[in-house]
C-alpha atoms as a PDB file:
ATOM      1  CA  MET A   1      -0.060   0.138   0.094  1.00  0.00           C
ATOM      2  CA  PRO A   2       1.587   3.320  -1.082  1.00  0.00           C
ATOM      3  CA  ASP A   3       2.088   5.977   1.468  1.00  0.00           C
ATOM      4  CA  HIS A   4       0.601   9.207   0.291  1.00  0.00           C
ATOM      5  CA  HIS A   5       1.442  12.283   2.294  1.00  0.00           C
ATOM      6  CA  GLY A   6      -0.033  15.030  -0.058  1.00  0.00           C
ATOM      7  CA  PRO A   7      -2.423  16.526   2.645  1.00  0.00           C
ATOM      8  CA  GLU A   8       0.371  16.409   5.321  1.00  0.00           C
ATOM      9  CA  ILE A   9       2.829  18.138   2.931  1.00  0.00           C
ATOM     10  CA  ALA A  10       0.171  20.780   2.206  1.00  0.00           C
ATOM     11  CA  GLN A  11       0.024  21.509   5.983  1.00  0.00           C
ATOM     12  CA  LEU A  12       3.765  22.379   6.303  1.00  0.00           C
ATOM     13  CA  THR A  13       4.903  26.079   6.639  1.00  0.00           C
ATOM     14  CA  THR A  14       7.261  27.199   3.807  1.00  0.00           C
ATOM     15  CA  ASP A  15      10.236  26.699   6.078  1.00  0.00           C
ATOM     16  CA  GLU A  16       9.298  23.278   7.018  1.00  0.00           C
ATOM     17  CA  LEU A  17       8.690  22.422   3.487  1.00  0.00           C
ATOM     18  CA  ASP A  18      12.227  23.625   2.560  1.00  0.00           C
ATOM     19  CA  ARG A  19      13.787  21.784   5.417  1.00  0.00           C
ATOM     20  CA  TYR A  20      11.808  18.494   4.613  1.00  0.00           C
ATOM     21  CA  ALA A  21      12.961  18.828   1.037  1.00  0.00           C
ATOM     22  CA  ASN A  22      16.553  19.198   2.210  1.00  0.00           C
ATOM     23  CA  GLN A  23      16.147  16.108   4.479  1.00  0.00           C
ATOM     24  CA  LEU A  24      14.943  14.081   1.596  1.00  0.00           C
ATOM     25  CA  THR A  25      17.666  15.154  -0.997  1.00  0.00           C
ATOM     26  CA  ARG A  26      20.263  14.263   1.666  1.00  0.00           C
ATOM     27  CA  CYS A  27      18.688  10.831   2.136  1.00  0.00           C
ATOM     28  CA  LEU A  28      18.837  10.336  -1.645  1.00  0.00           C
ATOM     29  CA  LYS A  29      22.502  11.183  -1.651  1.00  0.00           C
ATOM     30  CA  ALA A  30      23.119   8.698   1.115  1.00  0.00           C
ATOM     31  CA  LEU A  31      21.172   5.938  -0.402  1.00  0.00           C
ATOM     32  CA  ASP A  32      22.447   3.162  -2.597  1.00  0.00           C
ATOM     33  CA  THR A  33      21.082   3.367  -6.012  1.00  0.00           C
ATOM     34  CA  ARG A  34      19.660  -0.043  -5.434  1.00  0.00           C
ATOM     35  CA  ALA A  35      17.987   0.583  -1.986  1.00  0.00           C
ATOM     36  CA  PRO A  36      14.241  -0.461  -2.096  1.00  0.00           C
ATOM     37  CA  ILE A  37      13.192   2.649  -0.411  1.00  0.00           C
ATOM     38  CA  ARG A  38      14.737   5.025  -2.763  1.00  0.00           C
ATOM     39  CA  MET A  39      11.811   5.272  -5.013  1.00  0.00           C
ATOM     40  CA  GLN A  40       9.459   6.104  -2.171  1.00  0.00           C
ATOM     41  CA  VAL A  41      11.983   8.836  -1.104  1.00  0.00           C
ATOM     42  CA  GLN A  42      12.000  10.220  -4.706  1.00  0.00           C
ATOM     43  CA  ASN A  43       8.201  10.122  -4.977  1.00  0.00           C
ATOM     44  CA  GLU A  44       7.999  12.000  -1.580  1.00  0.00           C
ATOM     45  CA  LEU A  45      10.421  14.545  -2.770  1.00  0.00           C
ATOM     46  CA  ALA A  46       8.568  15.018  -5.947  1.00  0.00           C
ATOM     47  CA  GLU A  47       5.521  15.780  -3.918  1.00  0.00           C
ATOM     48  CA  VAL A  48       7.305  18.450  -1.946  1.00  0.00           C
ATOM     49  CA  ARG A  49       8.561  20.022  -5.153  1.00  0.00           C
ATOM     50  CA  VAL A  50       5.112  20.099  -6.619  1.00  0.00           C
ATOM     51  CA  GLN A  51       3.877  21.876  -3.455  1.00  0.00           C
ATOM     52  CA  GLN A  52       6.656  24.331  -3.454  1.00  0.00           C
ATOM     53  CA  ASP A  53       6.176  25.057  -7.225  1.00  0.00           C
ATOM     54  CA  THR A  54       2.427  25.400  -6.642  1.00  0.00           C
ATOM     55  CA  ARG A  55       3.076  28.034  -3.805  1.00  0.00           C
ATOM     56  CA  ALA A  56       5.584  29.898  -5.915  1.00  0.00           C
ATOM     57  CA  ARG A  57       3.194  30.004  -8.988  1.00  0.00           C
ATOM     58  CA  THR A  58       0.082  31.045  -7.041  1.00  0.00           C
ATOM     59  CA  GLY A  59       1.697  33.303  -4.523  1.00  0.00           C
ATOM     60  CA  GLN A  60       0.001  31.087  -1.910  1.00  0.00           C
ATOM     61  CA  PRO A  61       1.196  31.982   1.722  1.00  0.00           C
ATOM     62  CA  ALA A  62       2.503  29.276   4.156  1.00  0.00           C
ATOM     63  CA  SER A  63      -0.076  27.341   6.114  1.00  0.00           C
ATOM     64  CA  GLN A  64      -1.195  29.188   9.185  1.00  0.00           C
ATOM     65  CA  ARG A  65      -1.143  26.060  11.119  1.00  0.00           C
ATOM     66  CA  GLN A  66       1.103  26.289  14.335  1.00  0.00           C
ATOM     67  CA  HIS A  67       1.847  22.632  14.965  1.00  0.00           C
ATOM     68  CA  ASP A  68      -0.084  19.439  14.577  1.00  0.00           C
ATOM     69  CA  ASP A  69      -0.289  17.613  17.899  1.00  0.00           C
ATOM     70  CA  ARG A  70      -1.052  14.159  16.391  1.00  0.00           C
ATOM     71  CA  PRO A  71       1.562  11.859  17.805  1.00  0.00           C
ATOM     72  CA  ASP A  72       1.894  10.126  14.358  1.00  0.00           C
ATOM     73  CA  ARG A  73       3.269  13.287  12.946  1.00  0.00           C
ATOM     74  CA  GLN A  74       7.061  13.149  12.797  1.00  0.00           C
ATOM     75  CA  LEU A  75       8.031  14.621   9.477  1.00  0.00           C
ATOM     76  CA  LEU A  76      10.289  17.412  10.879  1.00  0.00           C
ATOM     77  CA  SER A  77      11.756  18.108  14.277  1.00  0.00           C
ATOM     78  CA  SER A  78      11.173  21.650  15.445  1.00  0.00           C
ATOM     79  CA  SER A  79      12.777  23.848  17.933  1.00  0.00           C
ATOM     80  CA  ARG A  80       9.546  25.381  19.038  1.00  0.00           C
ATOM     81  CA  PRO A  81       7.607  23.494  21.811  1.00  0.00           C
ATOM     82  CA  SER A  82       4.354  21.875  20.671  1.00  0.00           C
ATOM     83  CA  ALA A  83       1.011  22.921  22.087  1.00  0.00           C
ATOM     84  CA  SER A  84       0.866  19.941  24.182  1.00  0.00           C
ATOM     85  CA  SER A  85       4.123  20.740  26.025  1.00  0.00           C
ATOM     86  CA  ARG A  86       2.999  24.296  26.553  1.00  0.00           C
ATOM     87  CA  ARG A  87      -0.047  23.300  28.428  1.00  0.00           C
ATOM     88  CA  ALA A  88       0.226  23.852  32.175  1.00  0.00           C
ATOM     89  CA  SER A  89       0.321  20.626  34.515  1.00  0.00           C
ATOM     90  CA  PRO A  90      -2.512  20.403  36.923  1.00  0.00           C
END
């Protein structure tokens, strides 16, 4: 079953999108050309590039999303604390 991260990629801010593209590019450089995961990384990078091109062409601003609190969301690490870590403890 193919992974499709289009909706998640669209939620990234412009800076996050740029960092993710850089991460994927570094992964491709490090991967052996015969690595089974290589095609998935290439496809993910292609989706990121499409999103970047769309934003550049349409002048679409970065997503207004602050941070996604879903635990399964680990595309990028961020130096800013998540909303859940900013909540006061009872």
